[in-house]
Protein backbone atom coordinates (compact mmCIF):
# COMPACT_ATOMS: atom_id res chain seq x y z
CA ASN A 1 -13.76 -44.32 49.51
CA LYS A 2 -14.01 -47.94 50.38
CA GLN A 3 -17.51 -49.25 50.58
CA LYS A 4 -18.04 -51.30 53.72
CA THR A 5 -19.81 -54.58 53.13
CA SER A 6 -22.05 -55.99 55.79
CA SER A 7 -21.34 -59.48 56.90
CA PRO A 8 -24.11 -61.77 58.09
CA ILE A 9 -22.57 -61.71 61.56
CA SER A 10 -22.73 -57.92 61.83
CA PHE A 11 -26.33 -57.99 60.60
CA PHE A 12 -27.16 -60.62 63.25
CA LEU A 13 -25.49 -58.51 65.95
CA PHE A 14 -27.42 -55.44 64.78
CA LEU A 15 -30.72 -57.34 64.99
CA ASN A 16 -29.82 -58.91 68.30
CA ASN A 17 -28.90 -55.53 69.80
CA ASN A 18 -32.12 -53.89 68.63
CA PHE A 19 -34.24 -56.84 69.74
CA GLY A 20 -32.53 -56.69 73.14
CA HIS A 21 -33.57 -53.06 73.56
CA PHE A 22 -37.09 -53.86 72.42
CA PHE A 23 -37.31 -56.87 74.73
CA ASN A 24 -36.02 -54.89 77.74
CA HIS A 25 -38.57 -52.16 77.04
CA PHE A 26 -41.31 -54.77 76.70
CA LEU A 27 -40.36 -56.40 80.03
CA MET A 28 -40.35 -53.04 81.81
CA ILE A 29 -43.82 -52.25 80.49
CA LEU A 30 -45.05 -55.73 81.39
CA SER A 31 -43.74 -55.49 84.94
CA SER A 32 -45.23 -52.05 85.41
CA HIS A 33 -48.65 -53.28 84.25
CA TRP A 34 -48.38 -56.31 86.54
CA ALA A 35 -47.54 -54.07 89.51
CA TYR A 36 -50.48 -51.78 88.67
CA LEU A 37 -52.90 -54.72 88.45
CA LYS A 38 -51.57 -56.22 91.67
CA GLU A 39 -52.03 -52.90 93.49
CA ALA A 40 -55.50 -52.43 91.99
CA SER A 41 -56.46 -55.91 93.21
CA LYS A 42 -55.28 -55.08 96.74
CA MET A 43 -57.16 -51.77 96.64
CA GLN A 44 -60.37 -53.52 95.55
CA ALA A 45 -60.05 -56.06 98.36
CA TYR A 46 -59.47 -53.22 100.85
CA GLN A 47 -62.49 -51.30 99.59
CA ASP A 48 -64.68 -54.43 99.82
CA ILE A 49 -63.61 -55.02 103.44
CA LYS A 50 -64.10 -51.34 104.30
CA ALA A 51 -67.61 -51.29 102.80
CA LYS A 52 -68.55 -54.46 104.70
CA GLU A 53 -67.26 -53.04 107.99
CA GLU A 54 -69.14 -49.76 107.44
CA GLN A 55 -72.32 -51.73 106.71
CA GLU A 56 -71.88 -53.77 109.91
CA LEU A 57 -71.25 -50.59 111.90
CA GLN A 58 -74.43 -48.99 110.56
CA HIS A 59 -76.35 -52.15 111.44
CA ILE A 60 -74.98 -52.11 114.99
CA GLN A 61 -75.80 -48.40 115.37
CA SER A 62 -79.38 -48.87 114.13
CA ARG A 63 -79.91 -51.80 116.54
CA SER A 64 -78.55 -49.69 119.41
CA LYS A 65 -80.95 -46.86 118.55
CA GLU A 66 -83.86 -49.32 118.38
CA GLN A 67 -82.94 -50.71 121.80
CA LEU A 68 -82.68 -47.23 123.29
CA ASN A 69 -86.06 -46.29 121.81
CA SER A 70 -87.67 -49.45 123.21
CA TYR A 71 -86.63 -48.48 126.75
CA THR A 72 -88.29 -45.09 126.57
């Protein structure tokens, strides 16, 4: 049995290959978190606009009821 000796180049390639897999995994996680945060930001903006519109609608409805009551 011949014992295989590792050369510095093969060790570098081994590290580079493993780091490449780690780095790709890291970038996928990073992009997924960024997409989640971007979507959450859009959802928060939508909910803020929706709440403001509902508040304005309630205000308009209460004014309409007050006007109707003042005529009777």
